Amino acid sequence: MKKTIAKYTKEELELLSYKDITNLILEEQQAMNTADLFKQIINLLGLSNKEYEAKIGDYYTSLTTDKRFIMLDNGCWDLRARHKSDKIVKLEEDDEEDEELEEVEKEEDSNDYDAAVEDNYEDTDDDLKDLVVIDEDELEIE
């Protein structure tokens, strides 16, 4: 049985990231908006309103980049695992298509570079044909 958030000590919660605490909260509760989620985290950690105001923007950004969470149409955050829909699948497919497109573009860029290098390549063997290598002993040092 999984430990509920109420059973965590303040010290244990302090070792977790805000995103991990958010995950614990959303596992036990329904979807919540950013302000309510972060306010609950601030209260659990015993932080001040000043810290709430200073960190809520970074908190929102961290939620948007974490694949565990999804923002719903009503502006609330929930666990992505609870929401299997065509829209989510479509977004994942779009990501794969974007990655494939990036690979094609990289190959094209690489091919363009190779062609440019070949066009600018000059045979330097002609420049080196008169080069002579000599030992230190052959040098006359005064």
Protein backbone atom coordinates (compact mmCIF):
# COMPACT_ATOMS: atom_id res chain seq x y z
CA MET A 1 0.00 0.00 0.00
CA LYS A 2 1.31 3.40 -0.99
CA LYS A 3 2.03 6.02 1.65
CA THR A 4 -0.40 8.96 1.66
CA ILE A 5 0.97 12.47 1.54
CA ALA A 6 -0.32 13.16 5.06
CA LYS A 7 2.00 10.42 6.39
CA TYR A 8 5.13 12.10 5.01
CA THR A 9 7.14 14.14 7.49
CA LYS A 10 8.16 17.68 6.59
CA GLU A 11 11.76 16.47 6.32
CA GLU A 12 10.76 13.72 3.86
CA LEU A 13 8.80 16.21 1.76
CA GLU A 14 11.74 18.62 1.70
CA LEU A 15 13.79 15.91 -0.01
CA LEU A 16 11.27 15.70 -2.85
CA SER A 17 10.96 18.07 -5.79
CA TYR A 18 7.84 20.19 -6.18
CA LYS A 19 6.89 18.01 -9.15
CA ASP A 20 7.16 14.84 -7.06
CA ILE A 21 5.00 16.39 -4.34
CA THR A 22 2.51 17.46 -7.03
CA ASN A 23 2.40 13.87 -8.26
CA LEU A 24 1.62 12.64 -4.74
CA ILE A 25 -1.13 15.24 -4.30
CA LEU A 26 -2.76 14.44 -7.64
CA GLU A 27 -2.63 10.70 -6.93
CA GLU A 28 -4.86 11.31 -3.92
CA GLN A 29 -7.01 14.18 -5.19
CA GLN A 30 -8.76 15.32 -8.33
CA ALA A 31 -7.35 17.78 -10.85
CA MET A 32 -6.35 21.16 -9.43
CA ASN A 33 -5.25 24.50 -10.83
CA THR A 34 -1.66 25.69 -10.54
CA ALA A 35 -2.27 28.17 -7.73
CA ASP A 36 -4.12 25.66 -5.53
CA LEU A 37 -1.53 22.94 -6.12
CA PHE A 38 1.39 25.20 -5.30
CA LYS A 39 -0.39 26.69 -2.28
CA GLN A 40 -0.85 23.17 -0.93
CA ILE A 41 2.86 22.45 -1.46
CA ILE A 42 3.82 25.71 0.28
CA ASN A 43 1.61 24.78 3.23
CA LEU A 44 3.04 21.23 3.44
CA LEU A 45 6.59 22.59 3.45
CA GLY A 46 5.80 25.49 5.78
CA LEU A 47 7.05 28.12 3.33
CA SER A 48 6.01 31.77 3.30
CA ASN A 49 3.67 33.62 0.95
CA LYS A 50 6.72 35.53 -0.27
CA GLU A 51 8.28 32.27 -1.44
CA TYR A 52 4.96 31.31 -3.04
CA GLU A 53 4.94 34.52 -5.06
CA ALA A 54 8.61 34.19 -6.00
CA LYS A 55 8.44 30.57 -7.15
CA ILE A 56 5.00 30.02 -8.68
CA GLY A 57 6.15 30.97 -12.19
CA ASP A 58 9.00 28.46 -12.10
CA TYR A 59 6.62 25.88 -10.65
CA TYR A 60 4.18 26.35 -13.55
CA THR A 61 7.03 25.99 -16.05
CA SER A 62 8.21 22.80 -14.40
CA LEU A 63 4.72 21.30 -14.68
CA THR A 64 4.52 22.12 -18.38
CA THR A 65 7.77 20.26 -19.07
CA ASP A 66 7.00 17.17 -16.98
CA LYS A 67 5.33 14.37 -18.97
CA ARG A 68 3.55 13.03 -15.89
CA PHE A 69 1.12 15.95 -15.91
CA ILE A 70 -1.44 17.26 -18.36
CA MET A 71 -3.30 20.55 -18.35
CA LEU A 72 -7.00 20.06 -18.94
CA ASP A 73 -9.33 22.35 -20.88
CA ASN A 74 -10.53 23.93 -17.64
CA GLY A 75 -6.97 25.01 -16.73
CA CYS A 76 -6.47 22.34 -14.07
CA TRP A 77 -3.56 19.93 -13.86
CA ASP A 78 -4.05 16.20 -13.61
CA LEU A 79 -2.02 13.04 -14.00
CA ARG A 80 -1.53 12.16 -17.66
CA ALA A 81 -2.06 8.48 -16.80
CA ARG A 82 -5.71 9.24 -16.06
CA HIS A 83 -6.31 10.72 -19.51
CA LYS A 84 -5.91 8.41 -22.45
CA SER A 85 -7.41 10.13 -25.44
CA ASP A 86 -6.91 10.56 -29.15
CA LYS A 87 -5.67 14.08 -28.51
CA ILE A 88 -2.80 12.87 -26.33
CA VAL A 89 -1.95 10.12 -28.80
CA LYS A 90 -2.09 12.70 -31.61
CA LEU A 91 0.37 14.93 -29.75
CA GLU A 92 2.76 12.00 -29.29
CA GLU A 93 2.45 11.15 -33.00
CA ASP A 94 3.17 14.79 -33.88
CA ASP A 95 6.31 14.64 -31.72
CA GLU A 96 7.48 11.53 -33.62
CA GLU A 97 6.79 13.24 -36.95
CA ASP A 98 8.74 16.31 -35.78
CA GLU A 99 11.69 14.09 -34.79
CA GLU A 100 11.62 12.37 -38.20
CA LEU A 101 11.50 15.75 -39.93
CA GLU A 102 14.46 16.96 -37.86
CA GLU A 103 16.44 13.85 -38.88
CA VAL A 104 15.70 14.49 -42.57
CA GLU A 105 16.71 18.15 -42.19
CA LYS A 106 19.95 17.14 -40.45
CA GLU A 107 20.76 14.72 -43.30
CA GLU A 108 20.04 17.41 -45.88
CA ASP A 109 22.20 19.92 -44.01
CA SER A 110 24.98 17.34 -43.78
CA ASN A 111 24.71 16.58 -47.50
CA ASP A 112 24.82 20.31 -48.31
CA TYR A 113 27.94 20.67 -46.19
CA ASP A 114 29.62 17.67 -47.83
CA ALA A 115 28.88 19.06 -51.29
CA ALA A 116 30.22 22.48 -50.31
CA VAL A 117 33.41 20.94 -48.93
CA GLU A 118 33.90 18.93 -52.12
CA ASP A 119 33.37 22.04 -54.26
CA ASN A 120 35.97 23.97 -52.27
CA TYR A 121 38.43 21.08 -52.03
CA GLU A 122 41.69 21.56 -53.83
CA ASP A 123 44.32 18.90 -54.23
CA THR A 124 47.12 20.02 -51.91
CA ASP A 125 49.53 17.32 -53.03
CA ASP A 126 50.81 19.68 -55.73
CA ASP A 127 51.63 22.26 -53.08
CA LEU A 128 53.63 19.73 -51.06
CA LYS A 129 55.65 18.13 -53.88
CA ASP A 130 58.69 20.34 -53.23
CA LEU A 131 58.58 19.83 -49.47
CA VAL A 132 61.70 18.25 -47.99
CA VAL A 133 61.92 16.82 -44.47
CA ILE A 134 65.27 17.15 -42.73
CA ASP A 135 66.61 15.97 -39.40
CA GLU A 136 67.94 18.27 -36.69
CA ASP A 137 71.41 16.98 -37.40
CA GLU A 138 71.21 18.29 -40.94
CA LEU A 139 70.35 21.78 -39.72
CA GLU A 140 73.31 24.10 -39.32
CA ILE A 141 72.88 25.72 -35.95
CA GLU A 142 75.35 28.41 -35.03
